[in-house]
All heavy atoms as atom14 arrays in JSON, in Angstrom:
{
  "sequence": "NELPPDSRRLRKILAHLDKELAANETVGTY",
  "atom14_mask": [
    [1, 1, 1, 1, 1, 1, 1, 1, 0, 0, 0, 0, 0, 0],
    [1, 1, 1, 1, 1, 1, 1, 1, 1, 0, 0, 0, 0, 0],
    [1, 1, 1, 1, 1, 1, 1, 1, 0, 0, 0, 0, 0, 0],
    [1, 1, 1, 1, 1, 1, 1, 0, 0, 0, 0, 0, 0, 0],
    [1, 1, 1, 1, 1, 1, 1, 0, 0, 0, 0, 0, 0, 0],
    [1, 1, 1, 1, 1, 1, 1, 1, 0, 0, 0, 0, 0, 0],
    [1, 1, 1, 1, 1, 1, 0, 0, 0, 0, 0, 0, 0, 0],
    [1, 1, 1, 1, 1, 1, 1, 1, 1, 1, 1, 0, 0, 0],
    [1, 1, 1, 1, 1, 1, 1, 1, 1, 1, 1, 0, 0, 0],
    [1, 1, 1, 1, 1, 1, 1, 1, 0, 0, 0, 0, 0, 0],
    [1, 1, 1, 1, 1, 1, 1, 1, 1, 1, 1, 0, 0, 0],
    [1, 1, 1, 1, 1, 1, 1, 1, 1, 0, 0, 0, 0, 0],
    [1, 1, 1, 1, 1, 1, 1, 1, 0, 0, 0, 0, 0, 0],
    [1, 1, 1, 1, 1, 1, 1, 1, 0, 0, 0, 0, 0, 0],
    [1, 1, 1, 1, 1, 0, 0, 0, 0, 0, 0, 0, 0, 0],
    [1, 1, 1, 1, 1, 1, 1, 1, 1, 1, 0, 0, 0, 0],
    [1, 1, 1, 1, 1, 1, 1, 1, 0, 0, 0, 0, 0, 0],
    [1, 1, 1, 1, 1, 1, 1, 1, 0, 0, 0, 0, 0, 0],
    [1, 1, 1, 1, 1, 1, 1, 1, 1, 0, 0, 0, 0, 0],
    [1, 1, 1, 1, 1, 1, 1, 1, 1, 0, 0, 0, 0, 0],
    [1, 1, 1, 1, 1, 1, 1, 1, 0, 0, 0, 0, 0, 0],
    [1, 1, 1, 1, 1, 0, 0, 0, 0, 0, 0, 0, 0, 0],
    [1, 1, 1, 1, 1, 0, 0, 0, 0, 0, 0, 0, 0, 0],
    [1, 1, 1, 1, 1, 1, 1, 1, 0, 0, 0, 0, 0, 0],
    [1, 1, 1, 1, 1, 1, 1, 1, 1, 0, 0, 0, 0, 0],
    [1, 1, 1, 1, 1, 1, 1, 0, 0, 0, 0, 0, 0, 0],
    [1, 1, 1, 1, 1, 1, 1, 0, 0, 0, 0, 0, 0, 0],
    [1, 1, 1, 1, 0, 0, 0, 0, 0, 0, 0, 0, 0, 0],
    [1, 1, 1, 1, 1, 1, 1, 0, 0, 0, 0, 0, 0, 0],
    [1, 1, 1, 1, 1, 1, 1, 1, 1, 1, 1, 1, 0, 0]
  ],
  "atom14_positions": [
    [[36.35, 290.33, 128.77], [36.25, 291.68, 129.25], [35.03, 291.88, 130.14], [35.14, 292.36, 131.25], [36.23, 292.69, 128.11], [37.55, 292.73, 127.39], [38.56, 292.35, 127.96], [37.54, 293.16, 126.16], [0.0, 0.0, 0.0], [0.0, 0.0, 0.0], [0.0, 0.0, 0.0], [0.0, 0.0, 0.0], [0.0, 0.0, 0.0], [0.0, 0.0, 0.0]],
    [[33.87, 291.54, 129.61], [32.65, 291.78, 130.39], [31.79, 290.54, 130.37], [31.69, 289.85, 129.39], [31.85, 292.94, 129.77], [32.52, 294.27, 129.93], [31.62, 295.4, 129.44], [30.39, 295.31, 129.62], [32.17, 296.33, 128.87], [0.0, 0.0, 0.0], [0.0, 0.0, 0.0], [0.0, 0.0, 0.0], [0.0, 0.0, 0.0], [0.0, 0.0, 0.0]],
    [[31.17, 290.28, 131.51], [30.23, 289.17, 131.63], [28.83, 289.74, 131.6], [28.59, 290.88, 132.03], [30.47, 288.42, 132.93], [31.77, 287.65, 133.02], [31.97, 287.11, 134.43], [31.8, 286.54, 132.0], [0.0, 0.0, 0.0], [0.0, 0.0, 0.0], [0.0, 0.0, 0.0], [0.0, 0.0, 0.0], [0.0, 0.0, 0.0], [0.0, 0.0, 0.0]],
    [[27.86, 288.96, 131.08], [26.49, 289.47, 131.07], [25.98, 289.62, 132.51], [26.37, 288.89, 133.41], [25.71, 288.41, 130.31], [26.56, 287.19, 130.34], [27.98, 287.64, 130.51], [0.0, 0.0, 0.0], [0.0, 0.0, 0.0], [0.0, 0.0, 0.0], [0.0, 0.0, 0.0], [0.0, 0.0, 0.0], [0.0, 0.0, 0.0], [0.0, 0.0, 0.0]],
    [[25.06, 290.55, 132.71], [24.58, 290.81, 134.07], [23.53, 289.82, 134.58], [23.37, 289.65, 135.77], [23.99, 292.22, 133.98], [23.59, 292.36, 132.56], [24.56, 291.56, 131.77], [0.0, 0.0, 0.0], [0.0, 0.0, 0.0], [0.0, 0.0, 0.0], [0.0, 0.0, 0.0], [0.0, 0.0, 0.0], [0.0, 0.0, 0.0], [0.0, 0.0, 0.0]],
    [[22.84, 289.11, 133.65], [21.76, 288.25, 134.1], [22.24, 286.84, 134.43], [23.18, 286.33, 133.81], [20.63, 288.21, 133.04], [21.1, 287.69, 131.73], [22.04, 288.28, 131.13], [20.55, 286.68, 131.25], [0.0, 0.0, 0.0], [0.0, 0.0, 0.0], [0.0, 0.0, 0.0], [0.0, 0.0, 0.0], [0.0, 0.0, 0.0], [0.0, 0.0, 0.0]],
    [[21.58, 286.24, 135.4], [22.01, 284.93, 135.92], [21.77, 283.81, 134.9], [22.51, 282.82, 134.88], [21.31, 284.63, 137.23], [19.91, 284.53, 137.02], [0.0, 0.0, 0.0], [0.0, 0.0, 0.0], [0.0, 0.0, 0.0], [0.0, 0.0, 0.0], [0.0, 0.0, 0.0], [0.0, 0.0, 0.0], [0.0, 0.0, 0.0], [0.0, 0.0, 0.0]],
    [[20.76, 283.94, 134.02], [20.49, 282.91, 133.05], [21.68, 282.7, 132.13], [22.16, 281.59, 131.92], [19.24, 283.24, 132.25], [18.8, 282.14, 131.29], [17.57, 282.51, 130.48], [17.75, 283.65, 129.58], [18.34, 283.59, 128.39], [18.83, 282.46, 127.95], [18.46, 284.67, 127.65], [0.0, 0.0, 0.0], [0.0, 0.0, 0.0], [0.0, 0.0, 0.0]],
    [[22.21, 283.75, 131.56], [23.35, 283.64, 130.67], [24.62, 283.26, 131.43], [25.46, 282.51, 130.92], [23.57, 284.96, 129.91], [22.47, 285.16, 128.85], [22.78, 286.29, 127.92], [22.64, 287.56, 128.61], [22.93, 288.75, 128.1], [23.38, 288.83, 126.86], [22.78, 289.86, 128.79], [0.0, 0.0, 0.0], [0.0, 0.0, 0.0], [0.0, 0.0, 0.0]],
    [[24.77, 283.76, 132.63], [25.94, 283.4, 133.44], [25.94, 281.88, 133.73], [26.99, 281.22, 133.68], [25.99, 284.19, 134.74], [26.38, 285.67, 134.6], [26.14, 286.38, 135.93], [27.81, 285.79, 134.14], [0.0, 0.0, 0.0], [0.0, 0.0, 0.0], [0.0, 0.0, 0.0], [0.0, 0.0, 0.0], [0.0, 0.0, 0.0], [0.0, 0.0, 0.0]],
    [[24.76, 281.33, 134.03], [24.66, 279.88, 134.28], [25.0, 279.07, 133.0], [25.64, 278.03, 133.05], [23.27, 279.5, 134.77], [23.01, 279.94, 136.18], [21.68, 279.44, 136.71], [21.17, 280.22, 137.8], [21.68, 280.27, 139.02], [22.71, 279.55, 139.31], [21.17, 281.03, 139.95], [0.0, 0.0, 0.0], [0.0, 0.0, 0.0], [0.0, 0.0, 0.0]],
    [[24.55, 279.58, 131.84], [24.9, 278.93, 130.56], [26.42, 278.93, 130.34], [27.0, 277.93, 129.92], [24.21, 279.64, 129.4], [22.78, 279.32, 129.25], [22.67, 278.06, 128.47], [21.24, 277.9, 127.98], [20.96, 276.62, 127.43], [0.0, 0.0, 0.0], [0.0, 0.0, 0.0], [0.0, 0.0, 0.0], [0.0, 0.0, 0.0], [0.0, 0.0, 0.0]],
    [[27.03, 280.05, 130.57], [28.49, 280.16, 130.39], [29.2, 279.21, 131.35], [30.14, 278.5, 130.99], [28.94, 281.62, 130.61], [28.41, 282.5, 129.48], [30.47, 281.7, 130.7], [28.63, 284.0, 129.7], [0.0, 0.0, 0.0], [0.0, 0.0, 0.0], [0.0, 0.0, 0.0], [0.0, 0.0, 0.0], [0.0, 0.0, 0.0], [0.0, 0.0, 0.0]],
    [[28.73, 279.19, 132.61], [29.35, 278.32, 133.61], [29.2, 276.84, 133.21], [30.15, 276.06, 133.31], [28.72, 278.57, 134.98], [29.32, 277.82, 136.16], [30.8, 278.18, 136.33], [28.55, 278.16, 137.43], [0.0, 0.0, 0.0], [0.0, 0.0, 0.0], [0.0, 0.0, 0.0], [0.0, 0.0, 0.0], [0.0, 0.0, 0.0], [0.0, 0.0, 0.0]],
    [[28.01, 276.46, 132.73], [27.8, 275.08, 132.29], [28.71, 274.72, 131.14], [29.3, 273.63, 131.08], [26.34, 274.88, 131.9], [0.0, 0.0, 0.0], [0.0, 0.0, 0.0], [0.0, 0.0, 0.0], [0.0, 0.0, 0.0], [0.0, 0.0, 0.0], [0.0, 0.0, 0.0], [0.0, 0.0, 0.0], [0.0, 0.0, 0.0], [0.0, 0.0, 0.0]],
    [[28.87, 275.64, 130.18], [29.75, 275.42, 129.05], [31.21, 275.24, 129.53], [31.93, 274.33, 129.07], [29.66, 276.56, 128.05], [30.66, 276.48, 126.96], [30.54, 275.58, 125.92], [31.8, 277.16, 126.73], [31.56, 275.69, 125.1], [32.35, 276.67, 125.57], [0.0, 0.0, 0.0], [0.0, 0.0, 0.0], [0.0, 0.0, 0.0], [0.0, 0.0, 0.0]],
    [[31.64, 276.11, 130.44], [33.02, 276.03, 130.93], [33.25, 274.71, 131.7], [34.29, 274.08, 131.55], [33.34, 277.23, 131.84], [33.42, 278.58, 131.09], [33.56, 279.7, 132.13], [34.59, 278.57, 130.14], [0.0, 0.0, 0.0], [0.0, 0.0, 0.0], [0.0, 0.0, 0.0], [0.0, 0.0, 0.0], [0.0, 0.0, 0.0], [0.0, 0.0, 0.0]],
    [[32.26, 274.28, 132.49], [32.37, 273.01, 133.22], [32.49, 271.85, 132.23], [33.29, 270.92, 132.4], [31.18, 272.8, 134.14], [31.26, 273.7, 135.39], [32.35, 274.2, 135.71], [30.21, 273.87, 136.01], [0.0, 0.0, 0.0], [0.0, 0.0, 0.0], [0.0, 0.0, 0.0], [0.0, 0.0, 0.0], [0.0, 0.0, 0.0], [0.0, 0.0, 0.0]],
    [[31.68, 271.91, 131.16], [31.7, 270.85, 130.15], [33.07, 270.81, 129.45], [33.65, 269.72, 129.26], [30.59, 271.11, 129.12], [30.52, 270.09, 128.0], [29.41, 270.44, 127.06], [29.51, 269.57, 125.81], [28.56, 270.02, 124.79], [0.0, 0.0, 0.0], [0.0, 0.0, 0.0], [0.0, 0.0, 0.0], [0.0, 0.0, 0.0], [0.0, 0.0, 0.0]],
    [[33.63, 271.93, 129.09], [34.93, 271.99, 128.43], [36.03, 271.5, 129.37], [36.94, 270.79, 128.95], [35.23, 273.4, 127.95], [34.39, 273.84, 126.76], [34.62, 272.96, 125.54], [35.79, 272.69, 125.2], [33.62, 272.53, 124.95], [0.0, 0.0, 0.0], [0.0, 0.0, 0.0], [0.0, 0.0, 0.0], [0.0, 0.0, 0.0], [0.0, 0.0, 0.0]],
    [[35.96, 271.88, 130.65], [36.95, 271.4, 131.6], [36.93, 269.88, 131.74], [37.95, 269.22, 131.77], [36.73, 272.07, 132.96], [37.24, 273.5, 133.1], [36.76, 274.09, 134.44], [38.77, 273.51, 133.04], [0.0, 0.0, 0.0], [0.0, 0.0, 0.0], [0.0, 0.0, 0.0], [0.0, 0.0, 0.0], [0.0, 0.0, 0.0], [0.0, 0.0, 0.0]],
    [[35.7, 269.33, 131.81], [35.56, 267.87, 131.93], [36.12, 267.17, 130.69], [36.82, 266.17, 130.78], [34.11, 267.49, 132.16], [0.0, 0.0, 0.0], [0.0, 0.0, 0.0], [0.0, 0.0, 0.0], [0.0, 0.0, 0.0], [0.0, 0.0, 0.0], [0.0, 0.0, 0.0], [0.0, 0.0, 0.0], [0.0, 0.0, 0.0], [0.0, 0.0, 0.0]],
    [[35.81, 267.69, 129.5], [36.29, 267.09, 128.25], [37.81, 267.15, 128.19], [38.47, 266.19, 127.8], [35.67, 267.79, 127.04], [0.0, 0.0, 0.0], [0.0, 0.0, 0.0], [0.0, 0.0, 0.0], [0.0, 0.0, 0.0], [0.0, 0.0, 0.0], [0.0, 0.0, 0.0], [0.0, 0.0, 0.0], [0.0, 0.0, 0.0], [0.0, 0.0, 0.0]],
    [[38.36, 268.28, 128.54], [39.83, 268.42, 128.5], [40.51, 267.59, 129.58], [41.62, 267.13, 129.39], [40.22, 269.88, 128.6], [39.88, 270.65, 127.33], [39.94, 270.1, 126.25], [39.48, 271.9, 127.47], [0.0, 0.0, 0.0], [0.0, 0.0, 0.0], [0.0, 0.0, 0.0], [0.0, 0.0, 0.0], [0.0, 0.0, 0.0], [0.0, 0.0, 0.0]],
    [[39.83, 267.38, 130.7], [40.4, 266.54, 131.73], [40.47, 265.09, 131.25], [41.44, 264.4, 131.49], [39.54, 266.63, 133.01], [40.11, 265.85, 134.18], [39.29, 266.03, 135.43], [38.52, 267.01, 135.54], [39.39, 265.16, 136.29], [0.0, 0.0, 0.0], [0.0, 0.0, 0.0], [0.0, 0.0, 0.0], [0.0, 0.0, 0.0], [0.0, 0.0, 0.0]],
    [[39.44, 264.64, 130.53], [39.44, 263.29, 129.97], [40.6, 263.13, 128.98], [41.34, 262.15, 129.01], [38.11, 262.98, 129.27], [37.04, 263.14, 130.22], [38.08, 261.59, 128.7], [0.0, 0.0, 0.0], [0.0, 0.0, 0.0], [0.0, 0.0, 0.0], [0.0, 0.0, 0.0], [0.0, 0.0, 0.0], [0.0, 0.0, 0.0], [0.0, 0.0, 0.0]],
    [[40.75, 264.1, 128.1], [41.85, 264.04, 127.14], [43.2, 264.07, 127.86], [44.11, 263.33, 127.52], [41.72, 265.22, 126.12], [42.97, 265.33, 125.27], [40.51, 265.04, 125.26], [0.0, 0.0, 0.0], [0.0, 0.0, 0.0], [0.0, 0.0, 0.0], [0.0, 0.0, 0.0], [0.0, 0.0, 0.0], [0.0, 0.0, 0.0], [0.0, 0.0, 0.0]],
    [[43.3, 264.91, 128.88], [44.53, 265.0, 129.64], [44.86, 263.68, 130.33], [46.02, 263.23, 130.34], [0.0, 0.0, 0.0], [0.0, 0.0, 0.0], [0.0, 0.0, 0.0], [0.0, 0.0, 0.0], [0.0, 0.0, 0.0], [0.0, 0.0, 0.0], [0.0, 0.0, 0.0], [0.0, 0.0, 0.0], [0.0, 0.0, 0.0], [0.0, 0.0, 0.0]],
    [[43.86, 263.02, 130.9], [44.08, 261.73, 131.54], [44.54, 260.7, 130.52], [45.49, 259.96, 130.75], [42.78, 261.25, 132.21], [42.38, 262.2, 133.2], [42.97, 259.89, 132.87], [0.0, 0.0, 0.0], [0.0, 0.0, 0.0], [0.0, 0.0, 0.0], [0.0, 0.0, 0.0], [0.0, 0.0, 0.0], [0.0, 0.0, 0.0], [0.0, 0.0, 0.0]],
    [[43.9, 260.67, 129.37], [44.27, 259.73, 128.3], [45.73, 259.99, 127.85], [46.53, 259.06, 127.72], [43.33, 259.87, 127.1], [43.79, 259.13, 125.9], [43.64, 257.75, 125.8], [44.41, 259.79, 124.83], [44.08, 257.05, 124.68], [44.84, 259.1, 123.71], [44.67, 257.73, 123.65], [45.11, 257.04, 122.57], [0.0, 0.0, 0.0], [0.0, 0.0, 0.0]]
  ]
}
């Protein structure tokens, strides 16, 4: 629904999402 307004937390969320995408891509490839 809502994203935090500050860039520090947004960067953390983005890093987490990138990490999850990479992990799921590895599983998908396997």
